[in-house]
Amino acid sequence: MAQAINTGNFEALVATGKPLVLDFWATWCGPCKRLAPVIEELAKDYDGIAIVGKCDVEEDEELAMRFRVRNIPTVVFIKDGKEVDRSVGLVPRPVLEEKIKAML
């Protein structure tokens, strides 16, 4: 299951050294709802290899602002604490998976 990521646990997750896939979303966002099952699948498939999580922009504006998220869904790919890639909008699983593999 995708982990809930917020300002409170973000630094600890980065400190694990694992690549981080962070989906910024909101409950009212239709494309976010359509992307959610893909994020859950990726979380399951990459368990132990990468951290795949979600940040509700309505609940944690601070983290969304830190990554300059202007549209949702936005998936940010983080390695060694730095953003290395991002995907904006509803994209197919292979696109996201390719970006994850590039971090490994």
C-alpha atoms as a PDB file:
ATOM      1  CA  MET A   1       0.000   0.000   0.000  1.00  0.00           C
ATOM      2  CA  ALA A   2       1.215   3.493  -0.826  1.00  0.00           C
ATOM      3  CA  GLN A   3       2.475   5.262   2.262  1.00  0.00           C
ATOM      4  CA  ALA A   4       1.013   8.556   3.457  1.00  0.00           C
ATOM      5  CA  ILE A   5       3.815  11.093   3.119  1.00  0.00           C
ATOM      6  CA  ASN A   6       3.752  14.504   4.736  1.00  0.00           C
ATOM      7  CA  THR A   7       6.052  17.206   6.063  1.00  0.00           C
ATOM      8  CA  GLY A   8       6.343  15.287   9.341  1.00  0.00           C
ATOM      9  CA  ASN A   9       7.744  12.054   7.905  1.00  0.00           C
ATOM     10  CA  PHE A  10       9.351  13.196   4.644  1.00  0.00           C
ATOM     11  CA  GLU A  11      12.904  13.688   5.949  1.00  0.00           C
ATOM     12  CA  ALA A  12      12.893  10.310   7.710  1.00  0.00           C
ATOM     13  CA  LEU A  13      11.804   8.599   4.490  1.00  0.00           C
ATOM     14  CA  VAL A  14      14.542  10.361   2.510  1.00  0.00           C
ATOM     15  CA  ALA A  15      17.061   9.274   5.169  1.00  0.00           C
ATOM     16  CA  THR A  16      16.362   5.612   4.369  1.00  0.00           C
ATOM     17  CA  GLY A  17      18.389   6.104   1.183  1.00  0.00           C
ATOM     18  CA  LYS A  18      15.696   4.460  -0.941  1.00  0.00           C
ATOM     19  CA  PRO A  19      14.349   6.244  -4.011  1.00  0.00           C
ATOM     20  CA  LEU A  20      11.084   8.007  -3.237  1.00  0.00           C
ATOM     21  CA  VAL A  21       8.069   8.259  -5.539  1.00  0.00           C
ATOM     22  CA  LEU A  22       5.694  10.923  -4.241  1.00  0.00           C
ATOM     23  CA  ASP A  23       2.203  11.338  -5.702  1.00  0.00           C
ATOM     24  CA  PHE A  24       0.630  14.722  -4.925  1.00  0.00           C
ATOM     25  CA  TRP A  25      -3.152  14.400  -5.132  1.00  0.00           C
ATOM     26  CA  ALA A  26      -6.501  15.546  -3.699  1.00  0.00           C
ATOM     27  CA  THR A  27      -9.782  13.751  -2.988  1.00  0.00           C
ATOM     28  CA  TRP A  28     -11.751  15.980  -5.402  1.00  0.00           C
ATOM     29  CA  CYS A  29      -9.366  15.401  -8.333  1.00  0.00           C
ATOM     30  CA  GLY A  30     -10.749  13.021 -10.985  1.00  0.00           C
ATOM     31  CA  PRO A  31      -7.411  12.248 -12.679  1.00  0.00           C
ATOM     32  CA  CYS A  32      -5.896  11.645  -9.216  1.00  0.00           C
ATOM     33  CA  LYS A  33      -8.556   9.022  -8.519  1.00  0.00           C
ATOM     34  CA  ARG A  34      -7.783   7.314 -11.822  1.00  0.00           C
ATOM     35  CA  LEU A  35      -4.042   7.321 -11.054  1.00  0.00           C
ATOM     36  CA  ALA A  36      -4.504   5.957  -7.508  1.00  0.00           C
ATOM     37  CA  PRO A  37      -4.701   2.241  -8.459  1.00  0.00           C
ATOM     38  CA  VAL A  38      -1.494   2.579 -10.495  1.00  0.00           C
ATOM     39  CA  ILE A  39       0.300   4.169  -7.526  1.00  0.00           C
ATOM     40  CA  GLU A  40      -0.940   1.335  -5.282  1.00  0.00           C
ATOM     41  CA  GLU A  41       0.326  -1.285  -7.765  1.00  0.00           C
ATOM     42  CA  LEU A  42       3.723   0.392  -7.942  1.00  0.00           C
ATOM     43  CA  ALA A  43       3.905   0.549  -4.142  1.00  0.00           C
ATOM     44  CA  LYS A  44       3.294  -3.191  -3.988  1.00  0.00           C
ATOM     45  CA  ASP A  45       5.624  -4.082  -6.869  1.00  0.00           C
ATOM     46  CA  TYR A  46       8.533  -1.947  -5.593  1.00  0.00           C
ATOM     47  CA  ASP A  47       8.077  -2.680  -1.879  1.00  0.00           C
ATOM     48  CA  GLY A  48      11.501  -2.843  -0.253  1.00  0.00           C
ATOM     49  CA  ILE A  49      13.168  -1.310  -3.327  1.00  0.00           C
ATOM     50  CA  ALA A  50      11.620   2.166  -3.402  1.00  0.00           C
ATOM     51  CA  ILE A  51       9.184   4.077  -1.241  1.00  0.00           C
ATOM     52  CA  VAL A  52       5.981   4.889  -3.097  1.00  0.00           C
ATOM     53  CA  GLY A  53       3.673   7.278  -1.311  1.00  0.00           C
ATOM     54  CA  LYS A  54       0.974   9.886  -1.566  1.00  0.00           C
ATOM     55  CA  CYS A  55       0.631  13.422  -0.250  1.00  0.00           C
ATOM     56  CA  ASP A  56      -2.827  14.991  -0.096  1.00  0.00           C
ATOM     57  CA  VAL A  57      -2.239  18.624  -1.108  1.00  0.00           C
ATOM     58  CA  GLU A  58      -5.268  19.711   0.909  1.00  0.00           C
ATOM     59  CA  GLU A  59      -3.783  18.247   4.101  1.00  0.00           C
ATOM     60  CA  ASP A  60      -0.146  19.240   3.555  1.00  0.00           C
ATOM     61  CA  GLU A  61       0.234  22.418   1.548  1.00  0.00           C
ATOM     62  CA  GLU A  62       3.760  22.909   2.902  1.00  0.00           C
ATOM     63  CA  LEU A  63       5.213  19.837   1.176  1.00  0.00           C
ATOM     64  CA  ALA A  64       3.329  20.641  -2.033  1.00  0.00           C
ATOM     65  CA  MET A  65       4.747  24.170  -1.972  1.00  0.00           C
ATOM     66  CA  ARG A  66       8.255  22.850  -1.293  1.00  0.00           C
ATOM     67  CA  PHE A  67       8.070  20.892  -4.561  1.00  0.00           C
ATOM     68  CA  ARG A  68       6.303  23.716  -6.425  1.00  0.00           C
ATOM     69  CA  VAL A  69       3.296  21.547  -7.256  1.00  0.00           C
ATOM     70  CA  ARG A  70       0.915  23.618  -9.366  1.00  0.00           C
ATOM     71  CA  ASN A  71      -1.216  20.898 -10.954  1.00  0.00           C
ATOM     72  CA  ILE A  72      -2.353  17.520  -9.717  1.00  0.00           C
ATOM     73  CA  PRO A  73      -1.732  14.739 -10.011  1.00  0.00           C
ATOM     74  CA  THR A  74       2.009  15.410  -9.912  1.00  0.00           C
ATOM     75  CA  VAL A  75       4.361  12.532  -9.228  1.00  0.00           C
ATOM     76  CA  VAL A  76       7.821  13.591  -8.043  1.00  0.00           C
ATOM     77  CA  PHE A  77      10.776  11.202  -8.187  1.00  0.00           C
ATOM     78  CA  ILE A  78      13.347  11.811  -5.442  1.00  0.00           C
ATOM     79  CA  LYS A  79      16.788  10.262  -5.083  1.00  0.00           C
ATOM     80  CA  ASP A  80      19.299  11.188  -2.370  1.00  0.00           C
ATOM     81  CA  GLY A  81      16.883  13.881  -1.183  1.00  0.00           C
ATOM     82  CA  LYS A  82      16.782  15.665  -4.534  1.00  0.00           C
ATOM     83  CA  GLU A  83      14.112  15.737  -7.211  1.00  0.00           C
ATOM     84  CA  VAL A  84      15.403  13.903 -10.273  1.00  0.00           C
ATOM     85  CA  ASP A  85      12.229  13.779 -12.355  1.00  0.00           C
ATOM     86  CA  ARG A  86       8.514  14.496 -12.298  1.00  0.00           C
ATOM     87  CA  SER A  87       5.355  13.603 -14.121  1.00  0.00           C
ATOM     88  CA  VAL A  88       2.352  15.929 -14.295  1.00  0.00           C
ATOM     89  CA  GLY A  89      -1.149  14.755 -15.121  1.00  0.00           C
ATOM     90  CA  LEU A  90      -2.595  11.325 -15.686  1.00  0.00           C
ATOM     91  CA  VAL A  91       0.086   9.155 -17.279  1.00  0.00           C
ATOM     92  CA  PRO A  92       0.193   5.416 -17.972  1.00  0.00           C
ATOM     93  CA  ARG A  93       1.974   3.025 -15.622  1.00  0.00           C
ATOM     94  CA  PRO A  94       4.882   2.292 -18.038  1.00  0.00           C
ATOM     95  CA  VAL A  95       5.869   5.972 -18.003  1.00  0.00           C
ATOM     96  CA  LEU A  96       6.025   6.034 -14.200  1.00  0.00           C
ATOM     97  CA  GLU A  97       7.772   2.674 -14.052  1.00  0.00           C
ATOM     98  CA  GLU A  98      10.454   3.846 -16.468  1.00  0.00           C
ATOM     99  CA  LYS A  99      11.177   6.819 -14.220  1.00  0.00           C
ATOM    100  CA  ILE A 100      11.397   4.559 -11.154  1.00  0.00           C
ATOM    101  CA  LYS A 101      13.794   2.184 -12.918  1.00  0.00           C
ATOM    102  CA  ALA A 102      15.977   5.142 -13.904  1.00  0.00           C
ATOM    103  CA  MET A 103      16.484   5.886 -10.182  1.00  0.00           C
ATOM    104  CA  LEU A 104      17.481   2.325  -9.254  1.00  0.00           C
END
